[in-house]
Amino acid sequence: MKALYLDVFSGISGDMLVGALLDLGVPLEDLERGLAGLRLDGFHLHATRRQKGSIAGTKFDVHITDVAPVAQSHSHSSSFSFLQPFGHQHGGHSHDHDHGHDLHSHEHSHAAGGHSHPAHEHRDYASIRSMIEASELSAWVKEKSLAVFHRIAVAEGKVHGMPPERVHFHEVGAVDSIVDIVGACLALESLGKPTVLAGSVIEGTGWVQCAHGKLPLPAPATLEILGARGVKLSQCEEPHELVTPTGAGLLAEFAESFGPLRDFSVTRVGYGLGTRDNTTRPNVLRILLGELEASVGTNDWEADTIAVLETNLDDINPEVLGHFVESALGSGALDVFHTPIQMKKSRPGVLLTVLCASAEADRFSERMLRETSAFGVRRTTADRRKLRRESRVLQTVHGPVSVKFGFLNGKVIQAAPEYESCRQVAATAGVPLKDVYEAAWRAWLNDPTYDRP
C-alpha cells in the first residue's frame, strides 16, 4: 500500500509541506493547473532547489503580484484576522516583508510596526469556503481543503471567542493560506491520495512576536488544532515556532497515526525547506514515499474525519422529525437517524444524530436549531475507516442491477445491490423486490471479475 511518512523533527508549515511534495516529484504544473480552477488572481508560484543546514530540497514560495502598496492601520472590533507575526520566517512566502506566510489570528495595526501592506479586502472563512465550493477542483480536493480551513477557523474562533464564520483572513495572508492548503491537497491527489503517517510532532519554545504583542509557543491556535485531534506534542530547545497553525491543520487532517517508522519500504525522499536558519536543527520537513505491507497490520481502507451532531428531543412533532431527516439527507448530510431514549422524569424522547463533513458542521447545527425543537446541539469529531467502493452494473435474469462493492486489500468483502436500481427493475419486470435482490446476489457470485476473501 502506497504511503507517505511526514518526518516532523523540525515542525511543519504549509509551504514546507508543499515544497516537500514537489521535491518528491509532483510537477509544479499540476498545482498551477489545479489552482487555476479557483479563479484566484494576484499571485504566482516559485519552486527552487536550495540548501538548508547542508540538506538540499525544494523551497516553495507564493509571490503576490498586481497590488499597490499603501500603509495600513486596522482595528477590528467584531472579528479577528489571520495575519503573519512579525519576524516569523518558518516558511516565508514573498510579500516584500520580513515575516513568513503562516497565519495567526489577531487584531492588528501595521503603522507602528514599520510595515506597509498592499491595499486589500478581507476574506472571511465563509467567503473562502464559498470560493472553494464554487471552484473547478475535484470533489476530494474540495472536501479536504474545506476540512483543513475549518479546523483552523474553529481553533482561531475558540482562542478569540467568536464563531468560525467570523474569523477573517488578511488579503495577502489569505492568498498564501489558500495556495498552501489547496496546493497540498492537489499534490496529495497527484500522488494518488496515499495513506499519510507522521512522526512525533516537535515544536519550539519561547514566544512568537505578533503585531499586537507576544504569543507563547506552542501558539494557542496550534494547540487547539492538535488538541482537537488528540495529537501528542513535544517541545525542543529551538527558540522559534516550528509548527504553524496551517501546518497543524494539514497534519491533523491527513495523518492517520503518529509515531516512529515501522516496516516502511522507502522508495523516494523529499525535503521541503523553510526560510529561517534554525540554531539546533535544519529547518526542513522530510517526507518519505514508500510502501506499507498489509501483513504488518495496515489495511488499504480509506480514512477521513467527520462531525457527529446530536441533540435530545422530547417535544418534537413526528412529522416534523421525519421531514427534517429527509431534507437534511437531501442537503448533503452523510447520514441522519434518530434513536428512542429515555429522558428526565422518565419522559420518552429521541436522540437525533446527523453525520456530516467537518466543514459542514456549523451549517447542519444551525439547521437542527432552526428546524427542530432543539435548544442546543452537541458536536464531536470521529475518525472513519471506509472500504474502497466501486459500483458496477450486473446483468440478472430480471434486468441490469447496480451493485456497490467494498474492497479491502484488493478483495471484495462486501457487496450490496442498490435499492433504487432493484426497485426499478422489480417494477419493470413485475416481480417481487426480494427476487431482484436474490438475482443480483447470484450474478455477483457467478461473476469471475472480483476476488473474494
Protein backbone atom coordinates (compact mmCIF):
# COMPACT_ATOMS: atom_id res chain seq x y z
CA MET A 1 0.00 0.00 0.00
CA LYS A 2 1.39 3.40 -1.01
CA ALA A 3 2.06 5.65 1.98
CA LEU A 4 3.70 8.94 2.95
CA TYR A 5 5.59 9.44 6.20
CA LEU A 6 5.96 13.03 7.43
CA ASP A 7 9.13 13.31 9.49
CA VAL A 8 8.33 16.45 11.50
CA PHE A 9 11.55 16.61 13.51
CA SER A 10 11.68 20.33 12.73
CA GLY A 11 7.95 21.03 12.72
CA ILE A 12 5.70 21.71 9.75
CA SER A 13 4.26 24.67 7.87
CA GLY A 14 2.04 24.81 4.82
CA ASP A 15 4.71 25.88 2.34
CA MET A 16 7.21 23.34 3.68
CA LEU A 17 4.70 20.54 3.10
CA VAL A 18 4.03 21.69 -0.46
CA GLY A 19 7.78 22.07 -1.05
CA ALA A 20 8.44 18.53 0.17
CA LEU A 21 5.69 17.11 -2.05
CA LEU A 22 7.17 18.94 -5.04
CA ASP A 23 10.58 17.58 -4.07
CA LEU A 24 9.12 14.08 -4.25
CA GLY A 25 8.32 14.70 -7.89
CA VAL A 26 4.86 16.28 -8.04
CA PRO A 27 5.03 18.63 -11.05
CA LEU A 28 4.57 22.31 -10.23
CA GLU A 29 2.38 22.46 -13.34
CA ASP A 30 -0.14 20.16 -11.61
CA LEU A 31 -0.51 22.70 -8.81
CA GLU A 32 -0.74 25.65 -11.20
CA ARG A 33 -3.36 23.88 -13.30
CA GLY A 34 -5.41 22.90 -10.26
CA LEU A 35 -5.17 26.30 -8.57
CA ALA A 36 -6.37 27.96 -11.78
CA GLY A 37 -9.74 26.37 -11.06
CA LEU A 38 -10.09 28.64 -8.02
CA ARG A 39 -10.16 31.74 -10.25
CA LEU A 40 -7.91 33.46 -7.70
CA ASP A 41 -5.68 36.17 -9.15
CA GLY A 42 -2.74 38.22 -7.94
CA PHE A 43 -0.07 35.58 -7.32
CA HIS A 44 2.36 33.22 -8.99
CA LEU A 45 4.30 30.22 -7.72
CA HIS A 46 8.03 29.63 -7.36
CA ALA A 47 9.75 26.33 -6.56
CA THR A 48 13.55 26.40 -6.39
CA ARG A 49 16.23 23.95 -5.30
CA ARG A 50 18.24 25.25 -2.36
CA GLN A 51 20.08 24.05 0.72
CA LYS A 52 19.18 24.37 4.38
CA GLY A 53 21.55 23.04 7.01
CA SER A 54 23.54 21.06 4.39
CA ILE A 55 20.32 19.41 3.16
CA ALA A 56 19.20 20.06 -0.41
CA GLY A 57 15.50 20.40 -1.00
CA THR A 58 12.73 22.49 -2.56
CA LYS A 59 11.77 25.96 -1.39
CA PHE A 60 8.18 26.77 -2.29
CA ASP A 61 7.07 30.41 -2.43
CA VAL A 62 3.93 32.30 -3.33
CA HIS A 63 4.73 35.68 -4.86
CA ILE A 64 1.97 38.26 -4.56
CA THR A 65 1.55 40.43 -7.67
CA ASP A 66 -0.55 43.25 -9.10
CA VAL A 67 -1.16 45.13 -5.86
CA ALA A 68 -0.25 48.70 -5.00
CA PRO A 69 1.43 49.21 -1.60
CA VAL A 70 -0.22 51.58 0.86
CA ALA A 71 0.23 51.94 4.59
CA GLN A 72 -2.47 50.21 6.57
CA SER A 73 -3.75 50.58 10.09
CA HIS A 74 -6.59 48.28 11.09
CA SER A 75 -8.61 47.74 14.18
CA HIS A 76 -11.30 45.07 14.07
CA SER A 77 -13.76 45.18 16.91
CA SER A 78 -16.08 42.43 15.72
CA SER A 79 -13.77 39.94 14.02
CA PHE A 80 -10.22 38.69 14.03
CA SER A 81 -7.89 38.46 11.05
CA PHE A 82 -5.32 35.85 10.26
CA LEU A 83 -2.04 37.77 9.93
CA GLN A 84 1.57 36.69 9.99
CA PRO A 85 3.52 37.60 13.14
CA PHE A 86 6.47 39.92 12.64
CA GLY A 87 9.83 38.23 12.33
CA HIS A 88 8.36 34.79 11.66
CA GLN A 89 10.39 33.08 8.96
CA HIS A 90 9.43 29.44 9.16
CA GLY A 91 8.07 29.34 5.66
CA GLY A 92 8.38 32.82 4.27
CA HIS A 93 6.32 33.47 1.15
CA SER A 94 7.43 36.53 -0.77
CA HIS A 95 5.34 39.58 0.07
CA ASP A 96 8.22 42.01 0.24
CA HIS A 97 8.04 41.67 4.04
CA ASP A 98 10.25 40.03 6.60
CA HIS A 99 7.55 37.84 8.02
CA GLY A 100 6.50 34.47 6.68
CA HIS A 101 3.21 33.23 5.39
CA ASP A 102 1.60 31.07 8.01
CA LEU A 103 -1.15 32.65 9.94
CA HIS A 104 -2.19 33.64 13.42
CA SER A 105 -5.47 35.40 14.16
CA HIS A 106 -5.37 38.73 15.95
CA GLU A 107 -6.30 42.39 15.73
CA HIS A 108 -3.50 44.27 14.06
CA SER A 109 -2.07 47.72 13.39
CA HIS A 110 0.86 47.90 10.98
CA ALA A 111 1.75 51.57 11.18
CA ALA A 112 3.68 51.14 14.42
CA GLY A 113 5.47 48.06 13.13
CA GLY A 114 7.08 49.84 10.22
CA HIS A 115 5.39 47.58 7.65
CA SER A 116 3.09 48.51 4.82
CA HIS A 117 0.78 46.06 3.11
CA PRO A 118 -0.97 46.10 -0.23
CA ALA A 119 -4.42 47.56 -0.39
CA HIS A 120 -6.79 44.72 0.30
CA GLU A 121 -10.16 43.42 1.23
CA HIS A 122 -10.62 40.89 4.00
CA ARG A 123 -11.67 37.33 3.22
CA ASP A 124 -13.60 35.59 5.94
CA TYR A 125 -13.86 31.84 6.36
CA ALA A 126 -17.34 31.79 4.83
CA SER A 127 -16.19 33.54 1.63
CA ILE A 128 -13.18 31.24 1.27
CA ARG A 129 -15.47 28.25 1.72
CA SER A 130 -17.82 29.58 -0.96
CA MET A 131 -14.91 30.15 -3.33
CA ILE A 132 -13.63 26.59 -2.91
CA GLU A 133 -17.12 25.09 -3.24
CA ALA A 134 -17.70 27.02 -6.48
CA SER A 135 -14.29 26.11 -7.91
CA GLU A 136 -13.41 23.52 -10.55
CA LEU A 137 -11.40 21.46 -8.07
CA SER A 138 -12.15 17.76 -7.70
CA ALA A 139 -14.62 16.69 -5.04
CA TRP A 140 -11.80 15.18 -2.96
CA VAL A 141 -9.63 18.31 -3.05
CA LYS A 142 -12.64 20.46 -2.17
CA GLU A 143 -13.55 18.23 0.77
CA LYS A 144 -10.03 18.10 2.18
CA SER A 145 -9.28 21.81 1.65
CA LEU A 146 -12.50 22.82 3.37
CA ALA A 147 -11.81 20.43 6.24
CA VAL A 148 -8.36 21.95 6.85
CA PHE A 149 -9.70 25.52 6.72
CA HIS A 150 -12.48 24.53 9.09
CA ARG A 151 -10.02 23.12 11.63
CA ILE A 152 -8.06 26.39 11.59
CA ALA A 153 -11.14 28.63 11.74
CA VAL A 154 -12.64 26.65 14.63
CA ALA A 155 -9.37 26.83 16.56
CA GLU A 156 -8.88 30.55 15.99
CA GLY A 157 -12.50 31.24 16.83
CA LYS A 158 -12.19 29.31 20.08
CA VAL A 159 -8.99 31.13 21.07
CA HIS A 160 -10.53 34.53 20.43
CA GLY A 161 -14.12 33.81 21.49
CA MET A 162 -16.01 34.01 18.21
CA PRO A 163 -17.78 31.73 15.74
CA PRO A 164 -15.61 30.28 12.95
CA GLU A 165 -17.67 32.12 10.33
CA ARG A 166 -16.48 35.49 11.70
CA VAL A 167 -12.77 34.71 11.52
CA HIS A 168 -11.26 36.91 8.80
CA PHE A 169 -8.13 36.48 6.72
CA HIS A 170 -5.86 39.35 5.74
CA GLU A 171 -5.89 39.57 1.92
CA VAL A 172 -2.20 38.73 1.42
CA GLY A 173 -2.24 36.08 4.10
CA ALA A 174 -5.46 34.61 2.70
CA VAL A 175 -3.87 34.04 -0.71
CA ASP A 176 -0.92 32.27 0.92
CA SER A 177 -3.14 30.13 3.09
CA ILE A 178 -5.43 29.17 0.22
CA VAL A 179 -2.50 28.26 -2.02
CA ASP A 180 -0.74 26.26 0.71
CA ILE A 181 -3.81 24.29 1.77
CA VAL A 182 -5.33 23.70 -1.65
CA GLY A 183 -1.88 23.14 -3.15
CA ALA A 184 -1.06 20.44 -0.58
CA CYS A 185 -4.36 18.68 -1.34
CA LEU A 186 -3.70 18.88 -5.08
CA ALA A 187 -0.21 17.44 -4.60
CA LEU A 188 -1.52 14.55 -2.50
CA GLU A 189 -4.14 13.84 -5.13
CA SER A 190 -1.43 13.88 -7.79
CA LEU A 191 0.45 11.22 -5.79
CA GLY A 192 -2.64 9.02 -5.77
CA LYS A 193 -4.03 10.03 -2.34
CA PRO A 194 -1.62 7.83 -0.36
CA THR A 195 -2.07 6.92 3.28
CA VAL A 196 -0.35 9.59 5.40
CA LEU A 197 1.56 8.78 8.58
CA ALA A 198 3.63 11.14 10.71
CA GLY A 199 6.38 11.07 13.30
CA SER A 200 6.18 12.62 16.74
CA VAL A 201 5.35 16.31 16.45
CA ILE A 202 8.12 18.64 17.64
CA GLU A 203 7.59 22.32 18.47
CA GLY A 204 9.99 25.02 19.63
CA THR A 205 9.92 27.04 22.84
CA GLY A 206 9.63 30.68 23.75
CA TRP A 207 7.45 33.29 22.12
CA VAL A 208 6.25 34.37 18.71
CA GLN A 209 6.08 38.14 18.13
CA CYS A 210 2.78 39.37 16.67
CA ALA A 211 1.63 42.81 15.64
CA HIS A 212 -0.20 43.35 18.93
CA GLY A 213 2.19 41.57 21.26
CA LYS A 214 3.68 38.16 22.03
CA LEU A 215 2.11 34.72 22.00
CA PRO A 216 3.63 31.77 23.84
CA LEU A 217 4.76 28.70 21.97
CA PRO A 218 3.11 26.47 21.04
CA ALA A 219 0.79 29.10 19.60
CA PRO A 220 -2.76 28.93 21.01
CA ALA A 221 -4.38 28.04 17.67
CA THR A 222 -1.80 25.32 17.02
CA LEU A 223 -2.58 23.80 20.42
CA GLU A 224 -6.30 23.87 19.72
CA ILE A 225 -5.92 22.21 16.31
CA LEU A 226 -3.67 19.42 17.52
CA GLY A 227 -5.57 19.01 20.78
CA ALA A 228 -8.89 18.55 18.99
CA ARG A 229 -7.35 15.66 17.06
CA GLY A 230 -5.61 14.21 20.15
CA VAL A 231 -2.12 14.66 18.70
CA LYS A 232 0.72 14.49 21.22
CA LEU A 233 3.17 17.39 21.10
CA SER A 234 6.72 17.69 22.41
CA GLN A 235 8.94 20.77 22.68
CA CYS A 236 12.63 21.02 21.88
CA GLU A 237 15.25 23.62 22.69
CA GLU A 238 14.82 25.51 19.39
CA PRO A 239 13.78 29.09 20.38
CA HIS A 240 11.41 29.55 17.45
CA GLU A 241 7.99 28.48 16.25
CA LEU A 242 8.28 25.21 14.33
CA VAL A 243 4.63 24.15 13.96
CA THR A 244 2.38 26.78 12.40
CA PRO A 245 -1.43 26.75 12.51
CA THR A 246 -1.63 25.96 8.80
CA GLY A 247 0.86 23.13 9.19
CA ALA A 248 -1.04 21.83 12.20
CA GLY A 249 -4.32 21.90 10.27
CA LEU A 250 -2.86 19.89 7.40
CA LEU A 251 -1.21 17.44 9.78
CA ALA A 252 -4.39 16.93 11.82
CA GLU A 253 -6.50 16.33 8.73
CA PHE A 254 -4.27 13.92 6.84
CA ALA A 255 -2.07 11.99 9.27
CA GLU A 256 -3.73 8.73 10.33
CA SER A 257 -1.21 7.92 13.06
CA PHE A 258 1.83 9.41 14.80
CA GLY A 259 4.99 7.62 15.83
CA PRO A 260 8.28 6.16 14.62
CA LEU A 261 8.71 4.33 11.32
CA ARG A 262 7.78 0.67 11.30
CA ASP A 263 8.07 -1.79 8.40
CA PHE A 264 8.17 1.02 5.85
CA SER A 265 9.82 0.38 2.44
CA VAL A 266 11.18 3.76 1.26
CA THR A 267 11.12 4.49 -2.47
CA ARG A 268 11.69 8.26 -2.53
CA VAL A 269 12.56 11.04 -0.08
CA GLY A 270 11.63 14.72 -0.41
CA TYR A 271 12.67 17.79 1.58
CA GLY A 272 10.65 20.99 1.92
CA LEU A 273 12.72 23.97 3.07
CA GLY A 274 11.78 26.81 5.40
CA THR A 275 13.36 30.26 5.37
CA ARG A 276 14.93 30.66 8.79
CA ASP A 277 18.29 29.14 9.73
CA ASN A 278 17.49 27.31 12.95
CA THR A 279 20.05 27.06 15.72
CA THR A 280 19.60 23.41 16.72
CA ARG A 281 18.27 21.57 13.65
CA PRO A 282 17.85 22.11 9.90
CA ASN A 283 14.67 23.96 9.02
CA VAL A 284 13.32 21.25 6.73
CA LEU A 285 10.35 18.89 6.52
CA ARG A 286 11.32 15.42 5.34
CA ILE A 287 8.75 13.22 3.57
CA LEU A 288 9.22 9.56 2.78
CA LEU A 289 7.23 7.95 -0.02
CA GLY A 290 7.05 4.19 0.17
CA GLU A 291 5.05 1.05 0.74
CA LEU A 292 3.38 -0.43 3.80
CA GLU A 293 2.64 -4.13 3.81
CA ALA A 294 -0.84 -5.24 4.83
CA SER A 295 0.80 -8.09 6.76
CA VAL A 296 2.05 -5.67 9.41
CA GLY A 297 -1.50 -4.71 10.35
CA THR A 298 -2.08 -1.92 7.85
CA ASN A 299 -5.14 -2.06 5.61
CA ASP A 300 -5.78 -0.17 2.40
CA TRP A 301 -9.03 1.30 3.60
CA GLU A 302 -9.87 4.95 3.11
CA ALA A 303 -9.93 7.30 6.08
CA ASP A 304 -11.47 10.66 6.89
CA THR A 305 -12.78 12.72 9.78
CA ILE A 306 -16.45 13.68 10.11
CA ALA A 307 -18.59 15.68 12.50
CA VAL A 308 -21.19 13.97 14.70
CA LEU A 309 -24.06 16.29 15.71
CA GLU A 310 -26.55 15.20 18.37
CA THR A 311 -29.50 16.59 20.27
CA ASN A 312 -32.07 15.08 22.67
CA LEU A 313 -35.71 15.86 21.81
CA ASP A 314 -38.87 15.06 23.76
CA ASP A 315 -41.33 17.57 22.30
CA ILE A 316 -40.99 17.32 18.52
CA ASN A 317 -43.85 16.51 16.15
CA PRO A 318 -43.03 13.15 14.49
CA GLU A 319 -43.95 14.56 11.10
CA VAL A 320 -41.51 17.45 11.59
CA LEU A 321 -38.85 14.96 12.63
CA GLY A 322 -39.43 12.87 9.51
CA HIS A 323 -39.30 15.94 7.30
CA PHE A 324 -36.02 17.05 8.87
CA VAL A 325 -34.42 13.65 8.22
CA GLU A 326 -35.40 13.74 4.55
CA SER A 327 -34.42 17.38 4.00
CA ALA A 328 -31.04 17.05 5.77
CA LEU A 329 -30.16 13.98 3.70
CA GLY A 330 -31.19 15.87 0.59
CA SER A 331 -28.93 18.76 1.59
CA GLY A 332 -25.77 16.68 1.76
CA ALA A 333 -25.67 15.09 5.21
CA LEU A 334 -23.78 11.81 5.22
CA ASP A 335 -26.45 10.17 7.39
CA VAL A 336 -29.35 11.24 9.61
CA PHE A 337 -31.13 9.00 12.12
CA HIS A 338 -33.00 9.09 15.43
CA THR A 339 -32.92 6.66 18.33
CA PRO A 340 -35.52 6.17 21.10
CA ILE A 341 -34.19 7.30 24.51
CA GLN A 342 -35.49 7.92 28.00
CA MET A 343 -35.06 11.48 29.20
CA LYS A 344 -35.54 13.27 32.54
CA LYS A 345 -38.59 12.35 34.61
CA SER A 346 -38.86 9.15 32.52
CA ARG A 347 -40.12 11.07 29.51
CA PRO A 348 -39.74 9.21 26.20
CA GLY A 349 -37.70 11.07 23.61
CA VAL A 350 -35.43 10.66 20.61
CA LEU A 351 -31.72 11.20 20.07
CA LEU A 352 -31.40 12.94 16.70
CA THR A 353 -27.99 12.38 15.08
CA VAL A 354 -26.54 14.00 11.97
CA LEU A 355 -23.28 12.83 10.39
CA CYS A 356 -21.68 15.34 8.04
CA ALA A 357 -18.35 16.56 6.71
CA SER A 358 -16.42 18.56 9.30
CA ALA A 359 -16.61 21.67 7.13
CA GLU A 360 -20.42 21.42 7.12
CA ALA A 361 -20.90 21.06 10.89
CA ASP A 362 -21.92 24.66 11.50
CA ARG A 363 -24.43 24.64 8.64
CA PHE A 364 -26.17 21.49 9.87
CA SER A 365 -26.01 22.62 13.52
CA GLU A 366 -27.90 25.77 12.55
CA ARG A 367 -30.37 23.68 10.57
CA MET A 368 -31.05 21.46 13.60
CA LEU A 369 -31.65 24.50 15.79
CA ARG A 370 -33.94 26.18 13.26
CA GLU A 371 -35.95 23.19 12.04
CA THR A 372 -36.40 21.09 15.18
CA SER A 373 -37.32 21.88 18.79
CA ALA A 374 -33.66 21.68 19.88
CA PHE A 375 -32.20 24.31 22.21
CA GLY A 376 -28.66 23.02 21.76
CA VAL A 377 -26.56 20.70 19.63
CA ARG A 378 -23.60 18.60 20.79
CA ARG A 379 -20.72 18.24 18.37
CA THR A 380 -17.87 15.73 18.31
CA THR A 381 -15.48 14.56 15.61
CA ALA A 382 -14.99 10.94 14.61
CA ASP A 383 -12.33 9.21 12.53
CA ARG A 384 -13.80 6.87 9.93
CA ARG A 385 -12.32 3.86 8.18
CA LYS A 386 -14.08 3.04 4.92
CA LEU A 387 -13.80 0.33 2.33
CA ARG A 388 -12.79 1.48 -1.12
CA ARG A 389 -16.05 1.49 -3.06
CA GLU A 390 -16.92 0.71 -6.63
CA SER A 391 -20.31 0.47 -8.35
CA ARG A 392 -20.93 -1.87 -11.24
CA VAL A 393 -24.00 -2.91 -13.22
CA LEU A 394 -24.55 -6.67 -13.23
CA GLN A 395 -26.87 -8.49 -15.62
CA THR A 396 -29.59 -10.54 -13.89
CA VAL A 397 -32.46 -12.65 -15.17
CA HIS A 398 -34.77 -9.70 -14.45
CA GLY A 399 -32.59 -6.95 -15.94
CA PRO A 400 -29.46 -4.89 -15.19
CA VAL A 401 -28.95 -4.10 -11.49
CA SER A 402 -26.42 -1.67 -9.95
CA VAL A 403 -24.36 -3.27 -7.17
CA LYS A 404 -21.99 -1.50 -4.77
CA PHE A 405 -18.76 -3.35 -3.88
CA GLY A 406 -16.44 -2.76 -0.92
CA PHE A 407 -12.74 -3.65 -1.27
CA LEU A 408 -10.16 -4.37 1.44
CA ASN A 409 -6.58 -5.16 0.46
CA GLY A 410 -7.61 -5.78 -3.11
CA LYS A 411 -10.51 -8.16 -2.46
CA VAL A 412 -14.26 -7.69 -2.31
CA ILE A 413 -15.50 -8.24 1.24
CA GLN A 414 -18.88 -6.51 0.93
CA ALA A 415 -21.47 -6.32 -1.83
CA ALA A 416 -24.84 -4.56 -1.72
CA PRO A 417 -27.42 -4.27 -4.51
CA GLU A 418 -28.59 -0.67 -4.81
CA TYR A 419 -32.19 -0.29 -3.62
CA GLU A 420 -33.37 2.20 -6.25
CA SER A 421 -31.95 0.07 -9.06
CA CYS A 422 -33.60 -3.07 -7.65
CA ARG A 423 -36.92 -1.27 -7.18
CA GLN A 424 -36.99 -0.05 -10.77
CA VAL A 425 -36.11 -3.49 -12.14
CA ALA A 426 -38.78 -5.13 -9.96
CA ALA A 427 -41.42 -2.65 -11.18
CA THR A 428 -40.44 -3.09 -14.84
CA ALA A 429 -40.24 -6.89 -14.67
CA GLY A 430 -43.32 -7.23 -12.48
CA VAL A 431 -41.57 -9.42 -9.91
CA PRO A 432 -41.16 -9.12 -6.13
CA LEU A 433 -38.34 -6.89 -4.93
CA LYS A 434 -36.75 -9.74 -2.97
CA ASP A 435 -36.43 -11.78 -6.20
CA VAL A 436 -34.38 -8.99 -7.77
CA TYR A 437 -32.09 -8.86 -4.72
CA GLU A 438 -31.57 -12.62 -4.89
CA ALA A 439 -30.84 -12.44 -8.63
CA ALA A 440 -28.28 -9.69 -8.04
CA TRP A 441 -26.53 -11.82 -5.40
CA ARG A 442 -26.41 -14.79 -7.76
CA ALA A 443 -25.00 -12.60 -10.55
CA TRP A 444 -22.20 -11.44 -8.24
CA LEU A 445 -21.36 -14.95 -7.04
CA ASN A 446 -21.11 -16.10 -10.66
CA ASP A 447 -19.02 -13.10 -11.78
CA PRO A 448 -15.31 -14.08 -12.07
CA THR A 449 -14.15 -10.45 -12.18
CA TYR A 450 -13.86 -9.90 -8.43
CA ASP A 451 -11.59 -11.68 -5.98
CA ARG A 452 -13.32 -12.69 -2.80
CA PRO A 453 -11.85 -13.29 0.67
